[in-house]
Each structure stands twice: as structure tokens, then as C-alpha cells.
Amino acid sequence: MGNKVREMTIYHANNQLETKSFVGQPELAEMQEVVGGFIAYVQLPRGNNHKKMVVNEEGLLMGLPVNRKASLIANQTIVGTALVY
């Protein structure tokens, strides 16, 4: 059951999308590398099939740019790179 291959979608603030495959759950270090620092989970609105969004916890303090695509998904302002899995 933990060996299921899944995909994470990475939403960059410059509107580029990227996908990565992983087995089980993504590793903390991998998520930190993607978002560029400590992680924070963002609660997504209903209808997102129990997906999780991870962002840089200090993104606002760091002055990261608004991520319009991720903001639309989360129904709130998201800054910097976001990953959804």
C-alpha cells in the first residue's frame, strides 16, 4: 500500500508547472527543497479530492511573489512555489 507511485504537481510563481513522481509520501527534505525552506500545509477548499498543498512557511516574510495558479486552487493568496499531491 505504501509503494503506490503518486505525482506531485509543482506550481511555480512564474506560472510554470512541473510534475514529479514519488512513492508513498514525499520526504520532508524533498518538500523543503521544492518550496525553498520550512514547509506549511495549506487547507484546500472542498472538491480537491483530499489533495494537500505545501508552501514555504516564511514566504510572506521573504517577499516571495504571488503565485496566481496556486492561489486559485487554494482560494487564498499563496506566494512562492507551491506543491500539490
PDB file of N, CA and C in Angstrom:
ATOM      1  N   MET A   1       0.810  -1.179   0.000  1.00  0.00           N
ATOM      2  CA  MET A   1       0.000   0.000   0.000  1.00  0.00           C
ATOM      3  C   MET A   1       0.865   1.260   0.000  1.00  0.00           C
ATOM      4  N   GLY A   2       1.978   1.284   0.735  1.00  0.00           N
ATOM      5  CA  GLY A   2       2.869   2.435   0.775  1.00  0.00           C
ATOM      6  C   GLY A   2       3.738   2.551  -0.464  1.00  0.00           C
ATOM      7  N   ASN A   3       3.698   1.556  -1.359  1.00  0.00           N
ATOM      8  CA  ASN A   3       4.528   1.569  -2.550  1.00  0.00           C
ATOM      9  C   ASN A   3       3.820   2.165  -3.760  1.00  0.00           C
ATOM     10  N   LYS A   4       2.698   2.801  -3.560  1.00  0.00           N
ATOM     11  CA  LYS A   4       1.945   3.390  -4.654  1.00  0.00           C
ATOM     12  C   LYS A   4       2.700   4.594  -5.223  1.00  0.00           C
ATOM     13  N   VAL A   5       2.884   4.595  -6.544  1.00  0.00           N
ATOM     14  CA  VAL A   5       3.545   5.719  -7.202  1.00  0.00           C
ATOM     15  C   VAL A   5       2.517   6.831  -7.383  1.00  0.00           C
ATOM     16  N   ARG A   6       2.865   8.027  -6.921  1.00  0.00           N
ATOM     17  CA  ARG A   6       1.973   9.180  -6.997  1.00  0.00           C
ATOM     18  C   ARG A   6       2.723  10.321  -7.669  1.00  0.00           C
ATOM     19  N   GLU A   7       1.966  11.334  -8.048  1.00  0.00           N
ATOM     20  CA  GLU A   7       2.590  12.504  -8.653  1.00  0.00           C
ATOM     21  C   GLU A   7       2.323  13.733  -7.815  1.00  0.00           C
ATOM     22  N   MET A   8       3.322  14.597  -7.762  1.00  0.00           N
ATOM     23  CA  MET A   8       3.144  15.897  -7.151  1.00  0.00           C
ATOM     24  C   MET A   8       3.240  16.925  -8.274  1.00  0.00           C
ATOM     25  N   THR A   9       2.373  17.911  -8.206  1.00  0.00           N
ATOM     26  CA  THR A   9       2.415  18.998  -9.167  1.00  0.00           C
ATOM     27  C   THR A   9       3.025  20.196  -8.475  1.00  0.00           C
ATOM     28  N   ILE A  10       4.017  20.787  -9.126  1.00  0.00           N
ATOM     29  CA  ILE A  10       4.710  21.941  -8.564  1.00  0.00           C
ATOM     30  C   ILE A  10       4.277  23.170  -9.353  1.00  0.00           C
ATOM     31  N   TYR A  11       3.711  24.123  -8.639  1.00  0.00           N
ATOM     32  CA  TYR A  11       3.243  25.377  -9.228  1.00  0.00           C
ATOM     33  C   TYR A  11       4.259  26.462  -8.887  1.00  0.00           C
ATOM     34  N   HIS A  12       4.990  26.913  -9.889  1.00  0.00           N
ATOM     35  CA  HIS A  12       5.970  27.977  -9.677  1.00  0.00           C
ATOM     36  C   HIS A  12       5.274  29.328  -9.803  1.00  0.00           C
ATOM     37  N   ALA A  13       5.773  30.333  -9.099  1.00  0.00           N
ATOM     38  CA  ALA A  13       5.159  31.653  -9.118  1.00  0.00           C
ATOM     39  C   ALA A  13       5.222  32.301 -10.501  1.00  0.00           C
ATOM     40  N   ASN A  14       6.135  31.823 -11.369  1.00  0.00           N
ATOM     41  CA  ASN A  14       6.241  32.379 -12.720  1.00  0.00           C
ATOM     42  C   ASN A  14       5.298  31.662 -13.696  1.00  0.00           C
ATOM     43  N   ASN A  15       4.300  30.962 -13.163  1.00  0.00           N
ATOM     44  CA  ASN A  15       3.272  30.248 -13.934  1.00  0.00           C
ATOM     45  C   ASN A  15       3.748  28.966 -14.604  1.00  0.00           C
ATOM     46  N   GLN A  16       4.953  28.516 -14.340  1.00  0.00           N
ATOM     47  CA  GLN A  16       5.408  27.239 -14.880  1.00  0.00           C
ATOM     48  C   GLN A  16       4.919  26.107 -13.990  1.00  0.00           C
ATOM     49  N   LEU A  17       4.602  24.988 -14.620  1.00  0.00           N
ATOM     50  CA  LEU A  17       4.182  23.780 -13.911  1.00  0.00           C
ATOM     51  C   LEU A  17       5.224  22.699 -14.106  1.00  0.00           C
ATOM     52  N   GLU A  18       5.340  21.847 -13.108  1.00  0.00           N
ATOM     53  CA  GLU A  18       6.280  20.738 -13.151  1.00  0.00           C
ATOM     54  C   GLU A  18       5.641  19.573 -12.405  1.00  0.00           C
ATOM     55  N   THR A  19       5.896  18.358 -12.829  1.00  0.00           N
ATOM     56  CA  THR A  19       5.410  17.195 -12.084  1.00  0.00           C
ATOM     57  C   THR A  19       6.581  16.308 -11.720  1.00  0.00           C
ATOM     58  N   LYS A  20       6.469  15.691 -10.563  1.00  0.00           N
ATOM     59  CA  LYS A  20       7.473  14.729 -10.090  1.00  0.00           C
ATOM     60  C   LYS A  20       6.730  13.527  -9.549  1.00  0.00           C
ATOM     61  N   SER A  21       7.293  12.358  -9.770  1.00  0.00           N
ATOM     62  CA  SER A  21       6.724  11.128  -9.228  1.00  0.00           C
ATOM     63  C   SER A  21       7.426  10.771  -7.928  1.00  0.00           C
ATOM     64  N   PHE A  22       6.685  10.159  -7.026  1.00  0.00           N
ATOM     65  CA  PHE A  22       7.261   9.686  -5.765  1.00  0.00           C
ATOM     66  C   PHE A  22       6.488   8.461  -5.320  1.00  0.00           C
ATOM     67  N   VAL A  23       7.087   7.713  -4.424  1.00  0.00           N
ATOM     68  CA  VAL A  23       6.465   6.504  -3.895  1.00  0.00           C
ATOM     69  C   VAL A  23       6.064   6.774  -2.449  1.00  0.00           C
ATOM     70  N   GLY A  24       4.825   6.433  -2.111  1.00  0.00           N
ATOM     71  CA  GLY A  24       4.339   6.644  -0.745  1.00  0.00           C
ATOM     72  C   GLY A  24       4.056   8.101  -0.493  1.00  0.00           C
ATOM     73  N   GLN A  25       4.715   8.686   0.502  1.00  0.00           N
ATOM     74  CA  GLN A  25       4.581  10.099   0.843  1.00  0.00           C
ATOM     75  C   GLN A  25       5.873  10.817   0.453  1.00  0.00           C
ATOM     76  N   PRO A  26       5.790  12.076   0.019  1.00  0.00           N
ATOM     77  CA  PRO A  26       7.021  12.809  -0.279  1.00  0.00           C
ATOM     78  C   PRO A  26       7.824  13.026   1.001  1.00  0.00           C
ATOM     79  N   GLU A  27       9.131  12.998   0.864  1.00  0.00           N
ATOM     80  CA  GLU A  27      10.021  13.194   2.011  1.00  0.00           C
ATOM     81  C   GLU A  27      10.055  14.676   2.398  1.00  0.00           C
ATOM     82  N   LEU A  28      10.202  14.945   3.689  1.00  0.00           N
ATOM     83  CA  LEU A  28      10.266  16.313   4.187  1.00  0.00           C
ATOM     84  C   LEU A  28      11.353  17.105   3.470  1.00  0.00           C
ATOM     85  N   ALA A  29      12.532  16.545   3.356  1.00  0.00           N
ATOM     86  CA  ALA A  29      13.646  17.254   2.721  1.00  0.00           C
ATOM     87  C   ALA A  29      13.326  17.601   1.270  1.00  0.00           C
ATOM     88  N   GLU A  30      12.635  16.715   0.577  1.00  0.00           N
ATOM     89  CA  GLU A  30      12.262  16.968  -0.810  1.00  0.00           C
ATOM     90  C   GLU A  30      11.264  18.128  -0.891  1.00  0.00           C
ATOM     91  N   MET A  31      10.274  18.134   0.006  1.00  0.00           N
ATOM     92  CA  MET A  31       9.301  19.222   0.009  1.00  0.00           C
ATOM     93  C   MET A  31       9.973  20.544   0.351  1.00  0.00           C
ATOM     94  N   GLN A  32      10.895  20.544   1.320  1.00  0.00           N
ATOM     95  CA  GLN A  32      11.607  21.764   1.698  1.00  0.00           C
ATOM     96  C   GLN A  32      12.441  22.287   0.531  1.00  0.00           C
ATOM     97  N   GLU A  33      13.054  21.391  -0.205  1.00  0.00           N
ATOM     98  CA  GLU A  33      13.848  21.798  -1.365  1.00  0.00           C
ATOM     99  C   GLU A  33      12.959  22.443  -2.431  1.00  0.00           C
ATOM    100  N   VAL A  34      11.800  21.859  -2.661  1.00  0.00           N
ATOM    101  CA  VAL A  34      10.889  22.378  -3.687  1.00  0.00           C
ATOM    102  C   VAL A  34      10.397  23.778  -3.334  1.00  0.00           C
ATOM    103  N   VAL A  35       9.975  23.986  -2.080  1.00  0.00           N
ATOM    104  CA  VAL A  35       9.406  25.285  -1.699  1.00  0.00           C
ATOM    105  C   VAL A  35      10.469  26.279  -1.220  1.00  0.00           C
ATOM    106  N   GLY A  36      11.683  25.818  -1.026  1.00  0.00           N
ATOM    107  CA  GLY A  36      12.769  26.730  -0.655  1.00  0.00           C
ATOM    108  C   GLY A  36      12.833  27.104   0.803  1.00  0.00           C
ATOM    109  N   GLY A  37      12.441  26.201   1.687  1.00  0.00           N
ATOM    110  CA  GLY A  37      12.532  26.491   3.120  1.00  0.00           C
ATOM    111  C   GLY A  37      11.598  25.612   3.925  1.00  0.00           C
ATOM    112  N   PHE A  38      11.298  26.085   5.146  1.00  0.00           N
ATOM    113  CA  PHE A  38      10.381  25.353   6.010  1.00  0.00           C
ATOM    114  C   PHE A  38       9.020  25.246   5.336  1.00  0.00           C
ATOM    115  N   ILE A  39       8.324  24.142   5.585  1.00  0.00           N
ATOM    116  CA  ILE A  39       7.045  23.925   4.911  1.00  0.00           C
ATOM    117  C   ILE A  39       5.866  24.288   5.798  1.00  0.00           C
ATOM    118  N   ALA A  40       4.778  24.642   5.148  1.00  0.00           N
ATOM    119  CA  ALA A  40       3.490  24.841   5.813  1.00  0.00           C
ATOM    120  C   ALA A  40       2.440  24.210   4.915  1.00  0.00           C
ATOM    121  N   TYR A  41       1.481  23.527   5.530  1.00  0.00           N
ATOM    122  CA  TYR A  41       0.375  22.943   4.777  1.00  0.00           C
ATOM    123  C   TYR A  41      -0.737  23.973   4.659  1.00  0.00           C
ATOM    124  N   VAL A  42      -1.352  24.027   3.487  1.00  0.00           N
ATOM    125  CA  VAL A  42      -2.472  24.928   3.239  1.00  0.00           C
ATOM    126  C   VAL A  42      -3.720  24.072   3.072  1.00  0.00           C
ATOM    127  N   GLN A  43      -4.751  24.398   3.833  1.00  0.00           N
ATOM    128  CA  GLN A  43      -6.005  23.668   3.700  1.00  0.00           C
ATOM    129  C   GLN A  43      -6.677  24.086   2.405  1.00  0.00           C
ATOM    130  N   LEU A  44      -6.990  23.101   1.574  1.00  0.00           N
ATOM    131  CA  LEU A  44      -7.635  23.372   0.297  1.00  0.00           C
ATOM    132  C   LEU A  44      -9.146  23.293   0.450  1.00  0.00           C
ATOM    133  N   PRO A  45      -9.867  24.069  -0.364  1.00  0.00           N
ATOM    134  CA  PRO A  45     -11.329  24.013  -0.293  1.00  0.00           C
ATOM    135  C   PRO A  45     -11.850  22.648  -0.724  1.00  0.00           C
ATOM    136  N   ARG A  46     -13.083  22.360  -0.350  1.00  0.00           N
ATOM    137  CA  ARG A  46     -13.703  21.091  -0.740  1.00  0.00           C
ATOM    138  C   ARG A  46     -13.685  20.952  -2.252  1.00  0.00           C
ATOM    139  N   GLY A  47     -13.667  19.714  -2.706  1.00  0.00           N
ATOM    140  CA  GLY A  47     -13.669  19.458  -4.133  1.00  0.00           C
ATOM    141  C   GLY A  47     -12.275  19.230  -4.692  1.00  0.00           C
ATOM    142  N   ASN A  48     -11.254  19.206  -3.850  1.00  0.00           N
ATOM    143  CA  ASN A  48      -9.889  18.984  -4.308  1.00  0.00           C
ATOM    144  C   ASN A  48      -9.420  17.556  -4.051  1.00  0.00           C
ATOM    145  N   ASN A  49     -10.364  16.629  -3.922  1.00  0.00           N
ATOM    146  CA  ASN A  49     -10.057  15.191  -3.812  1.00  0.00           C
ATOM    147  C   ASN A  49      -9.019  14.869  -2.745  1.00  0.00           C
ATOM    148  N   HIS A  50      -9.123  15.524  -1.603  1.00  0.00           N
ATOM    149  CA  HIS A  50      -8.248  15.252  -0.458  1.00  0.00           C
ATOM    150  C   HIS A  50      -6.780  15.514  -0.766  1.00  0.00           C
ATOM    151  N   LYS A  51      -6.504  16.388  -1.702  1.00  0.00           N
ATOM    152  CA  LYS A  51      -5.118  16.730  -2.021  1.00  0.00           C
ATOM    153  C   LYS A  51      -4.575  17.678  -0.965  1.00  0.00           C
ATOM    154  N   LYS A  52      -3.243  17.726  -0.887  1.00  0.00           N
ATOM    155  CA  LYS A  52      -2.566  18.577   0.077  1.00  0.00           C
ATOM    156  C   LYS A  52      -1.720  19.592  -0.677  1.00  0.00           C
ATOM    157  N   MET A  53      -1.679  20.822  -0.174  1.00  0.00           N
ATOM    158  CA  MET A  53      -0.801  21.849  -0.733  1.00  0.00           C
ATOM    159  C   MET A  53       0.250  22.187   0.314  1.00  0.00           C
ATOM    160  N   VAL A  54       1.487  22.308  -0.143  1.00  0.00           N
ATOM    161  CA  VAL A  54       2.605  22.662   0.725  1.00  0.00           C
ATOM    162  C   VAL A  54       3.261  23.912   0.154  1.00  0.00           C
ATOM    163  N   VAL A  55       3.549  24.876   1.032  1.00  0.00           N
ATOM    164  CA  VAL A  55       4.173  26.133   0.630  1.00  0.00           C
ATOM    165  C   VAL A  55       5.327  26.446   1.581  1.00  0.00           C
ATOM    166  N   ASN A  56       6.076  27.501   1.267  1.00  0.00           N
ATOM    167  CA  ASN A  56       7.140  27.970   2.145  1.00  0.00           C
ATOM    168  C   ASN A  56       6.501  28.712   3.309  1.00  0.00           C
ATOM    169  N   GLU A  57       6.766  28.247   4.508  1.00  0.00           N
ATOM    170  CA  GLU A  57       6.170  28.818   5.718  1.00  0.00           C
ATOM    171  C   GLU A  57       6.508  30.301   5.887  1.00  0.00           C
ATOM    172  N   GLU A  58       7.661  30.720   5.419  1.00  0.00           N
ATOM    173  CA  GLU A  58       8.109  32.104   5.598  1.00  0.00           C
ATOM    174  C   GLU A  58       8.027  32.911   4.307  1.00  0.00           C
ATOM    175  N   GLY A  59       7.235  32.423   3.350  1.00  0.00           N
ATOM    176  CA  GLY A  59       7.156  33.058   2.040  1.00  0.00           C
ATOM    177  C   GLY A  59       6.792  34.533   2.080  1.00  0.00           C
ATOM    178  N   LEU A  60       5.825  34.906   2.905  1.00  0.00           N
ATOM    179  CA  LEU A  60       5.434  36.322   3.009  1.00  0.00           C
ATOM    180  C   LEU A  60       6.569  37.160   3.591  1.00  0.00           C
ATOM    181  N   LEU A  61       7.218  36.644   4.629  1.00  0.00           N
ATOM    182  CA  LEU A  61       8.334  37.370   5.252  1.00  0.00           C
ATOM    183  C   LEU A  61       9.503  37.542   4.295  1.00  0.00           C
ATOM    184  N   MET A  62       9.679  36.560   3.406  1.00  0.00           N
ATOM    185  CA  MET A  62      10.772  36.593   2.442  1.00  0.00           C
ATOM    186  C   MET A  62      10.437  37.445   1.218  1.00  0.00           C
ATOM    187  N   GLY A  63       9.198  37.894   1.122  1.00  0.00           N
ATOM    188  CA  GLY A  63       8.796  38.716  -0.007  1.00  0.00           C
ATOM    189  C   GLY A  63       8.662  37.952  -1.312  1.00  0.00           C
ATOM    190  N   LEU A  64       8.302  36.664  -1.221  1.00  0.00           N
ATOM    191  CA  LEU A  64       8.152  35.860  -2.428  1.00  0.00           C
ATOM    192  C   LEU A  64       6.964  36.366  -3.251  1.00  0.00           C
ATOM    193  N   PRO A  65       7.041  36.220  -4.570  1.00  0.00           N
ATOM    194  CA  PRO A  65       5.959  36.729  -5.423  1.00  0.00           C
ATOM    195  C   PRO A  65       4.680  35.907  -5.292  1.00  0.00           C
ATOM    196  N   VAL A  66       3.565  36.555  -5.580  1.00  0.00           N
ATOM    197  CA  VAL A  66       2.266  35.876  -5.551  1.00  0.00           C
ATOM    198  C   VAL A  66       2.246  34.790  -6.622  1.00  0.00           C
ATOM    199  N   ASN A  67       1.734  33.640  -6.250  1.00  0.00           N
ATOM    200  CA  ASN A  67       1.580  32.509  -7.162  1.00  0.00           C
ATOM    201  C   ASN A  67       0.099  32.442  -7.535  1.00  0.00           C
ATOM    202  N   ARG A  68      -0.238  32.967  -8.690  1.00  0.00           N
ATOM    203  CA  ARG A  68      -1.646  33.097  -9.084  1.00  0.00           C
ATOM    204  C   ARG A  68      -2.346  31.753  -9.260  1.00  0.00           C
ATOM    205  N   LYS A  69      -1.672  30.778  -9.878  1.00  0.00           N
ATOM    206  CA  LYS A  69      -2.313  29.475 -10.094  1.00  0.00           C
ATOM    207  C   LYS A  69      -2.580  28.775  -8.768  1.00  0.00           C
ATOM    208  N   ALA A  70      -1.594  28.772  -7.884  1.00  0.00           N
ATOM    209  CA  ALA A  70      -1.769  28.132  -6.581  1.00  0.00           C
ATOM    210  C   ALA A  70      -2.820  28.875  -5.760  1.00  0.00           C
ATOM    211  N   SER A  71      -2.878  30.198  -5.886  1.00  0.00           N
ATOM    212  CA  SER A  71      -3.871  30.995  -5.161  1.00  0.00           C
ATOM    213  C   SER A  71      -5.284  30.631  -5.599  1.00  0.00           C
ATOM    214  N   LEU A  72      -5.472  30.393  -6.897  1.00  0.00           N
ATOM    215  CA  LEU A  72      -6.789  29.992  -7.397  1.00  0.00           C
ATOM    216  C   LEU A  72      -7.205  28.635  -6.839  1.00  0.00           C
ATOM    217  N   ILE A  73      -6.258  27.717  -6.759  1.00  0.00           N
ATOM    218  CA  ILE A  73      -6.554  26.376  -6.234  1.00  0.00           C
ATOM    219  C   ILE A  73      -6.918  26.456  -4.756  1.00  0.00           C
ATOM    220  N   ALA A  74      -6.146  27.248  -4.008  1.00  0.00           N
ATOM    221  CA  ALA A  74      -6.330  27.327  -2.548  1.00  0.00           C
ATOM    222  C   ALA A  74      -7.428  28.292  -2.133  1.00  0.00           C
ATOM    223  N   ASN A  75      -7.873  29.129  -3.060  1.00  0.00           N
ATOM    224  CA  ASN A  75      -8.888  30.142  -2.762  1.00  0.00           C
ATOM    225  C   ASN A  75      -8.397  31.112  -1.686  1.00  0.00           C
ATOM    226  N   GLN A  76      -7.092  31.385  -1.721  1.00  0.00           N
ATOM    227  CA  GLN A  76      -6.455  32.354  -0.841  1.00  0.00           C
ATOM    228  C   GLN A  76      -5.116  32.724  -1.466  1.00  0.00           C
ATOM    229  N   THR A  77      -4.517  33.804  -1.023  1.00  0.00           N
ATOM    230  CA  THR A  77      -3.253  34.242  -1.603  1.00  0.00           C
ATOM    231  C   THR A  77      -2.126  33.300  -1.192  1.00  0.00           C
ATOM    232  N   ILE A  78      -1.420  32.797  -2.198  1.00  0.00           N
ATOM    233  CA  ILE A  78      -0.262  31.924  -1.999  1.00  0.00           C
ATOM    234  C   ILE A  78       0.933  32.623  -2.631  1.00  0.00           C
ATOM    235  N   VAL A  79       2.063  32.597  -1.951  1.00  0.00           N
ATOM    236  CA  VAL A  79       3.283  33.198  -2.509  1.00  0.00           C
ATOM    237  C   VAL A  79       4.342  32.120  -2.691  1.00  0.00           C
ATOM    238  N   GLY A  80       5.217  32.331  -3.668  1.00  0.00           N
ATOM    239  CA  GLY A  80       6.309  31.404  -3.935  1.00  0.00           C
ATOM    240  C   GLY A  80       5.822  30.124  -4.584  1.00  0.00           C
ATOM    241  N   THR A  81       6.681  29.140  -4.577  1.00  0.00           N
ATOM    242  CA  THR A  81       6.386  27.841  -5.169  1.00  0.00           C
ATOM    243  C   THR A  81       5.479  27.046  -4.244  1.00  0.00           C
ATOM    244  N   ALA A  82       4.512  26.369  -4.839  1.00  0.00           N
ATOM    245  CA  ALA A  82       3.593  25.505  -4.081  1.00  0.00           C
ATOM    246  C   ALA A  82       3.609  24.133  -4.712  1.00  0.00           C
ATOM    247  N   LEU A  83       3.473  23.121  -3.887  1.00  0.00           N
ATOM    248  CA  LEU A  83       3.352  21.775  -4.441  1.00  0.00           C
ATOM    249  C   LEU A  83       2.056  21.163  -3.946  1.00  0.00           C
ATOM    250  N   VAL A  84       1.441  20.399  -4.827  1.00  0.00           N
ATOM    251  CA  VAL A  84       0.171  19.752  -4.514  1.00  0.00           C
ATOM    252  C   VAL A  84       0.336  18.271  -4.785  1.00  0.00           C
ATOM    253  N   TYR A  85      -0.071  17.455  -3.825  1.00  0.00           N
ATOM    254  CA  TYR A  85      -0.022  15.999  -4.018  1.00  0.00           C
ATOM    255  C   TYR A  85      -1.220  15.345  -3.392  1.00  0.00           C
TER     256      TYR A  85
END
